[in-house]
Structure formats: C-alpha cells, structure tokens
Amino acid sequence: MKHETLKKLVTSGMLVALIIILSGFYIPVGASKCFPIQHMVNVLAAVLLGPWWGVGIAFIASLIRNIMGTGTLLAFPGSMVGALCCGLVFSKTRKYLPTYAAEVLGTGVLGGILAYPIAIGFMGKEAALFTYVIPFLVSTLGGTVIAAILIAVLAKTHALNHMRDLLAE
C-alpha cells in the first residue's frame, strides 16, 4: 500500500470515528433537529480527500450507525449522494462555494428524493415523494455552514494547505 493511500485511509477512519462519536449532537431548529456532523465531514472529505473517499466515509459511517442502532437506512442515500456531489464539484472546480452548494443540493434534494423509495420499500413507511427533502435540507445546511466556517479558519491559518500537503506526500 502506498504511503499516500495509507494516510488517506487513516484520515478517513478518523473522520468516520468523528461522525460516530458526534452523531448524537444536534441543533434544535423549530420543531425539527439539525444533525450536522455527517454533512460537515462530507465537505471536509471533499476538500481533503476527494469524492470516492468521501463516499466511502459516508457509507462506513452510515453502516456503523445502523449496526449500532443509532441510524436509519435513510442515512445511506443522503450522506453518500451529498459526499459524491460535493466531492466531484470540488475536484472539478477547486472552489468552496460550489462545493457547499453541491453538498446542500446533493444531500437535501437528491438524497431526500432517493430516501423515498428506501422508506417505502425497506422500512414500510408511507410517505410523499418530498417528505424527506426538508429534514435533509435542515441538517445539510447546518453541517455545511459549520464546514464553511471550519474551512475558512483552516485556510486563513494555512492549516488547510498543510493538511493537503501531508496527505499528498
């Protein structure tokens, strides 16, 4: 295994652990709850590791949370689609704002719509097509804002470039 791959694998493992440990953290938003950590990590993974690592992190975190009983099957479409969208956009543009928008649209809209057949087929829940879009949007907006603040601080202190350099060695 190449040294660069090992560093990315270890970083991915730490990000999965962060998601699992902080998965109970939420921000009350009206009658809803915003669970931002997965979405924050999606953006960080896009910027630091790339789209496929981000999708892998989202899949493993969703799987572990389901095994532990702290997640639902709906975690898969939202987190994985969001990670793929923001990872692909960042890899093509290297710009943060389109990456943030891709996370919000990927998770909130596409992931929310893809949750519908999973809820109906695997969970036996009756739902309208757009039932999950609003709750997914609330969580992804919160996580994306946190990621944007974190990335701005890391970029300003040059820590972001240092992390990228370390992962590329």
C-alpha atoms as a PDB file:
ATOM      1  CA  MET A   1       0.000   0.000   0.000  1.00  0.00           C
ATOM      2  CA  LYS A   2       1.362   3.400  -0.945  1.00  0.00           C
ATOM      3  CA  HIS A   3       2.165   5.843   1.830  1.00  0.00           C
ATOM      4  CA  GLU A   4      -0.324   8.398   0.427  1.00  0.00           C
ATOM      5  CA  THR A   5      -3.121   5.808   0.397  1.00  0.00           C
ATOM      6  CA  LEU A   6      -2.359   4.800   3.970  1.00  0.00           C
ATOM      7  CA  LYS A   7      -2.547   8.430   5.124  1.00  0.00           C
ATOM      8  CA  LYS A   8      -5.898   8.875   3.387  1.00  0.00           C
ATOM      9  CA  LEU A   9      -7.181   5.621   4.888  1.00  0.00           C
ATOM     10  CA  VAL A  10      -6.175   6.687   8.403  1.00  0.00           C
ATOM     11  CA  THR A  11      -7.688  10.148   7.892  1.00  0.00           C
ATOM     12  CA  SER A  12     -10.896   8.521   6.639  1.00  0.00           C
ATOM     13  CA  GLY A  13     -11.002   6.304   9.723  1.00  0.00           C
ATOM     14  CA  MET A  14     -10.649   9.343  11.974  1.00  0.00           C
ATOM     15  CA  LEU A  15     -13.446  11.145  10.128  1.00  0.00           C
ATOM     16  CA  VAL A  16     -15.719   8.083  10.453  1.00  0.00           C
ATOM     17  CA  ALA A  17     -14.936   7.986  14.184  1.00  0.00           C
ATOM     18  CA  LEU A  18     -15.780  11.691  14.457  1.00  0.00           C
ATOM     19  CA  ILE A  19     -19.148  11.071  12.787  1.00  0.00           C
ATOM     20  CA  ILE A  20     -19.952   8.116  15.054  1.00  0.00           C
ATOM     21  CA  ILE A  21     -18.893   9.838  18.273  1.00  0.00           C
ATOM     22  CA  LEU A  22     -20.737  13.079  17.498  1.00  0.00           C
ATOM     23  CA  SER A  23     -23.768  11.567  15.736  1.00  0.00           C
ATOM     24  CA  GLY A  24     -25.994  12.350  18.721  1.00  0.00           C
ATOM     25  CA  PHE A  25     -25.138  16.057  18.556  1.00  0.00           C
ATOM     26  CA  TYR A  26     -27.971  18.123  17.169  1.00  0.00           C
ATOM     27  CA  ILE A  27     -29.126  21.714  16.931  1.00  0.00           C
ATOM     28  CA  PRO A  28     -32.828  22.366  17.613  1.00  0.00           C
ATOM     29  CA  VAL A  29     -34.398  24.168  14.646  1.00  0.00           C
ATOM     30  CA  GLY A  30     -38.037  24.910  15.334  1.00  0.00           C
ATOM     31  CA  ALA A  31     -39.844  21.596  15.647  1.00  0.00           C
ATOM     32  CA  SER A  32     -37.005  19.820  13.833  1.00  0.00           C
ATOM     33  CA  LYS A  33     -33.493  18.752  14.782  1.00  0.00           C
ATOM     34  CA  CYS A  34     -30.431  19.524  12.697  1.00  0.00           C
ATOM     35  CA  PHE A  35     -27.850  16.700  12.776  1.00  0.00           C
ATOM     36  CA  PRO A  36     -24.902  18.463  11.082  1.00  0.00           C
ATOM     37  CA  ILE A  37     -21.838  16.278  11.674  1.00  0.00           C
ATOM     38  CA  GLN A  38     -22.125  13.914   8.671  1.00  0.00           C
ATOM     39  CA  HIS A  39     -22.567  16.860   6.328  1.00  0.00           C
ATOM     40  CA  MET A  40     -19.656  18.771   7.822  1.00  0.00           C
ATOM     41  CA  VAL A  41     -17.469  15.712   7.263  1.00  0.00           C
ATOM     42  CA  ASN A  42     -18.769  15.307   3.686  1.00  0.00           C
ATOM     43  CA  VAL A  43     -17.430  18.763   2.845  1.00  0.00           C
ATOM     44  CA  LEU A  44     -14.139  18.232   4.696  1.00  0.00           C
ATOM     45  CA  ALA A  45     -13.629  14.899   2.922  1.00  0.00           C
ATOM     46  CA  ALA A  46     -14.353  16.523  -0.450  1.00  0.00           C
ATOM     47  CA  VAL A  47     -11.740  19.202   0.177  1.00  0.00           C
ATOM     48  CA  LEU A  48      -9.082  16.981   1.759  1.00  0.00           C
ATOM     49  CA  LEU A  49      -9.531  13.524   0.230  1.00  0.00           C
ATOM     50  CA  GLY A  50     -11.715  13.579  -2.872  1.00  0.00           C
ATOM     51  CA  PRO A  51     -15.111  12.238  -3.919  1.00  0.00           C
ATOM     52  CA  TRP A  52     -14.569   8.496  -3.635  1.00  0.00           C
ATOM     53  CA  TRP A  53     -13.026   8.714  -0.186  1.00  0.00           C
ATOM     54  CA  GLY A  54     -15.966  10.894   0.865  1.00  0.00           C
ATOM     55  CA  VAL A  55     -18.494   8.352  -0.408  1.00  0.00           C
ATOM     56  CA  GLY A  56     -16.603   5.586   1.405  1.00  0.00           C
ATOM     57  CA  ILE A  57     -16.609   7.565   4.650  1.00  0.00           C
ATOM     58  CA  ALA A  58     -20.349   8.232   4.309  1.00  0.00           C
ATOM     59  CA  PHE A  59     -21.068   4.551   3.604  1.00  0.00           C
ATOM     60  CA  ILE A  60     -18.984   3.202   6.503  1.00  0.00           C
ATOM     61  CA  ALA A  61     -20.364   5.771   8.966  1.00  0.00           C
ATOM     62  CA  SER A  62     -23.949   5.007   7.884  1.00  0.00           C
ATOM     63  CA  LEU A  63     -23.312   1.269   8.148  1.00  0.00           C
ATOM     64  CA  ILE A  64     -21.796   1.519  11.634  1.00  0.00           C
ATOM     65  CA  ARG A  65     -24.590   3.800  12.854  1.00  0.00           C
ATOM     66  CA  ASN A  66     -27.176   1.318  11.534  1.00  0.00           C
ATOM     67  CA  ILE A  67     -25.414  -1.625  13.178  1.00  0.00           C
ATOM     68  CA  MET A  68     -25.268   0.305  16.468  1.00  0.00           C
ATOM     69  CA  GLY A  69     -28.958   1.195  16.194  1.00  0.00           C
ATOM     70  CA  THR A  70     -28.274   4.939  16.139  1.00  0.00           C
ATOM     71  CA  GLY A  71     -29.025   5.459  12.440  1.00  0.00           C
ATOM     72  CA  THR A  72     -31.616   4.510   9.856  1.00  0.00           C
ATOM     73  CA  LEU A  73     -31.430   3.246   6.300  1.00  0.00           C
ATOM     74  CA  LEU A  74     -32.166   6.814   5.214  1.00  0.00           C
ATOM     75  CA  ALA A  75     -28.612   7.743   6.231  1.00  0.00           C
ATOM     76  CA  PHE A  76     -27.238   5.996   3.146  1.00  0.00           C
ATOM     77  CA  PRO A  77     -28.821   7.985   0.296  1.00  0.00           C
ATOM     78  CA  GLY A  78     -28.432  11.392   1.891  1.00  0.00           C
ATOM     79  CA  SER A  79     -24.874  11.094   3.088  1.00  0.00           C
ATOM     80  CA  MET A  80     -23.482   9.191   0.115  1.00  0.00           C
ATOM     81  CA  VAL A  81     -25.111  11.317  -2.593  1.00  0.00           C
ATOM     82  CA  GLY A  82     -24.079  14.503  -0.800  1.00  0.00           C
ATOM     83  CA  ALA A  83     -20.487  13.283  -0.425  1.00  0.00           C
ATOM     84  CA  LEU A  84     -20.319  12.313  -4.091  1.00  0.00           C
ATOM     85  CA  CYS A  85     -21.796  15.597  -5.327  1.00  0.00           C
ATOM     86  CA  CYS A  86     -19.596  17.893  -3.264  1.00  0.00           C
ATOM     87  CA  GLY A  87     -16.527  15.726  -3.883  1.00  0.00           C
ATOM     88  CA  LEU A  88     -16.995  15.786  -7.649  1.00  0.00           C
ATOM     89  CA  VAL A  89     -17.687  19.514  -7.703  1.00  0.00           C
ATOM     90  CA  PHE A  90     -14.607  20.314  -5.610  1.00  0.00           C
ATOM     91  CA  SER A  91     -12.382  18.028  -7.685  1.00  0.00           C
ATOM     92  CA  LYS A  92     -13.522  19.824 -10.873  1.00  0.00           C
ATOM     93  CA  THR A  93     -13.662  23.441  -9.636  1.00  0.00           C
ATOM     94  CA  ARG A  94     -11.371  23.635  -6.569  1.00  0.00           C
ATOM     95  CA  LYS A  95     -13.824  26.295  -5.327  1.00  0.00           C
ATOM     96  CA  TYR A  96     -15.576  26.252  -1.987  1.00  0.00           C
ATOM     97  CA  LEU A  97     -18.945  27.917  -2.683  1.00  0.00           C
ATOM     98  CA  PRO A  98     -19.944  25.488  -5.466  1.00  0.00           C
ATOM     99  CA  THR A  99     -18.784  22.636  -3.211  1.00  0.00           C
ATOM    100  CA  TYR A 100     -21.029  23.847  -0.389  1.00  0.00           C
ATOM    101  CA  ALA A 101     -23.952  24.204  -2.797  1.00  0.00           C
ATOM    102  CA  ALA A 102     -23.330  20.684  -4.133  1.00  0.00           C
ATOM    103  CA  GLU A 103     -23.468  19.234  -0.609  1.00  0.00           C
ATOM    104  CA  VAL A 104     -26.748  21.000   0.129  1.00  0.00           C
ATOM    105  CA  LEU A 105     -28.358  20.052  -3.197  1.00  0.00           C
ATOM    106  CA  GLY A 106     -26.891  16.536  -3.222  1.00  0.00           C
ATOM    107  CA  THR A 107     -27.971  15.645   0.292  1.00  0.00           C
ATOM    108  CA  GLY A 108     -31.002  17.864   0.706  1.00  0.00           C
ATOM    109  CA  VAL A 109     -32.698  17.450  -2.641  1.00  0.00           C
ATOM    110  CA  LEU A 110     -31.295  14.349  -4.366  1.00  0.00           C
ATOM    111  CA  GLY A 111     -30.714  12.411  -1.126  1.00  0.00           C
ATOM    112  CA  GLY A 112     -34.130  13.440   0.169  1.00  0.00           C
ATOM    113  CA  ILE A 113     -35.813  12.200  -3.004  1.00  0.00           C
ATOM    114  CA  LEU A 114     -33.789   8.958  -3.009  1.00  0.00           C
ATOM    115  CA  ALA A 115     -34.861   8.342   0.603  1.00  0.00           C
ATOM    116  CA  TYR A 116     -38.454   7.954  -0.583  1.00  0.00           C
ATOM    117  CA  PRO A 117     -38.125   4.500  -2.237  1.00  0.00           C
ATOM    118  CA  ILE A 118     -35.981   3.280   0.668  1.00  0.00           C
ATOM    119  CA  ALA A 119     -38.598   4.393   3.196  1.00  0.00           C
ATOM    120  CA  ILE A 120     -41.388   2.731   1.205  1.00  0.00           C
ATOM    121  CA  GLY A 121     -39.582  -0.439   0.121  1.00  0.00           C
ATOM    122  CA  PHE A 122     -37.332  -1.314   3.039  1.00  0.00           C
ATOM    123  CA  MET A 123     -38.849   0.445   6.024  1.00  0.00           C
ATOM    124  CA  GLY A 124     -42.539   0.059   5.166  1.00  0.00           C
ATOM    125  CA  LYS A 125     -43.218   3.746   5.798  1.00  0.00           C
ATOM    126  CA  GLU A 126     -45.877   5.606   3.880  1.00  0.00           C
ATOM    127  CA  ALA A 127     -44.506   8.922   2.688  1.00  0.00           C
ATOM    128  CA  ALA A 128     -44.884  11.525  -0.016  1.00  0.00           C
ATOM    129  CA  LEU A 129     -42.052  11.911  -2.526  1.00  0.00           C
ATOM    130  CA  PHE A 130     -40.653  15.108  -0.986  1.00  0.00           C
ATOM    131  CA  THR A 131     -41.218  14.123   2.666  1.00  0.00           C
ATOM    132  CA  TYR A 132     -37.510  13.844   3.451  1.00  0.00           C
ATOM    133  CA  VAL A 133     -36.266  16.859   1.493  1.00  0.00           C
ATOM    134  CA  ILE A 134     -36.942  19.473   4.206  1.00  0.00           C
ATOM    135  CA  PRO A 135     -35.415  17.489   7.109  1.00  0.00           C
ATOM    136  CA  PHE A 136     -32.403  16.578   4.963  1.00  0.00           C
ATOM    137  CA  LEU A 137     -32.021  20.239   3.930  1.00  0.00           C
ATOM    138  CA  VAL A 138     -32.095  21.390   7.565  1.00  0.00           C
ATOM    139  CA  SER A 139     -29.291  19.024   8.564  1.00  0.00           C
ATOM    140  CA  THR A 140     -27.153  19.566   5.491  1.00  0.00           C
ATOM    141  CA  LEU A 141     -27.440  23.358   5.737  1.00  0.00           C
ATOM    142  CA  GLY A 142     -26.272  23.233   9.347  1.00  0.00           C
ATOM    143  CA  GLY A 143     -23.375  20.914   8.573  1.00  0.00           C
ATOM    144  CA  THR A 144     -22.336  22.872   5.508  1.00  0.00           C
ATOM    145  CA  VAL A 145     -22.281  26.150   7.444  1.00  0.00           C
ATOM    146  CA  ILE A 146     -20.123  24.546  10.148  1.00  0.00           C
ATOM    147  CA  ALA A 147     -17.800  23.129   7.463  1.00  0.00           C
ATOM    148  CA  ALA A 148     -17.577  26.510   5.723  1.00  0.00           C
ATOM    149  CA  ILE A 149     -16.571  28.215   8.976  1.00  0.00           C
ATOM    150  CA  LEU A 150     -14.048  25.478   9.767  1.00  0.00           C
ATOM    151  CA  ILE A 151     -12.558  25.579   6.265  1.00  0.00           C
ATOM    152  CA  ALA A 152     -12.329  29.389   6.381  1.00  0.00           C
ATOM    153  CA  VAL A 153     -10.414  29.232   9.669  1.00  0.00           C
ATOM    154  CA  LEU A 154      -8.152  26.421   8.426  1.00  0.00           C
ATOM    155  CA  ALA A 155      -7.462  28.291   5.176  1.00  0.00           C
ATOM    156  CA  LYS A 156      -6.736  31.577   6.956  1.00  0.00           C
ATOM    157  CA  THR A 157      -4.212  29.881   9.254  1.00  0.00           C
ATOM    158  CA  HIS A 158      -2.704  27.933   6.323  1.00  0.00           C
ATOM    159  CA  ALA A 159      -3.528  24.686   8.129  1.00  0.00           C
ATOM    160  CA  LEU A 160      -5.719  23.520   5.234  1.00  0.00           C
ATOM    161  CA  ASN A 161      -2.850  23.646   2.739  1.00  0.00           C
ATOM    162  CA  HIS A 162      -0.592  21.960   5.278  1.00  0.00           C
ATOM    163  CA  MET A 163      -3.102  19.108   5.705  1.00  0.00           C
ATOM    164  CA  ARG A 164      -3.438  18.725   1.934  1.00  0.00           C
ATOM    165  CA  ASP A 165       0.357  18.641   1.572  1.00  0.00           C
ATOM    166  CA  LEU A 166       0.668  15.993   4.285  1.00  0.00           C
ATOM    167  CA  LEU A 167      -1.973  13.816   2.621  1.00  0.00           C
ATOM    168  CA  ALA A 168      -0.281  14.162  -0.782  1.00  0.00           C
ATOM    169  CA  GLU A 169       3.206  13.094   0.380  1.00  0.00           C
END
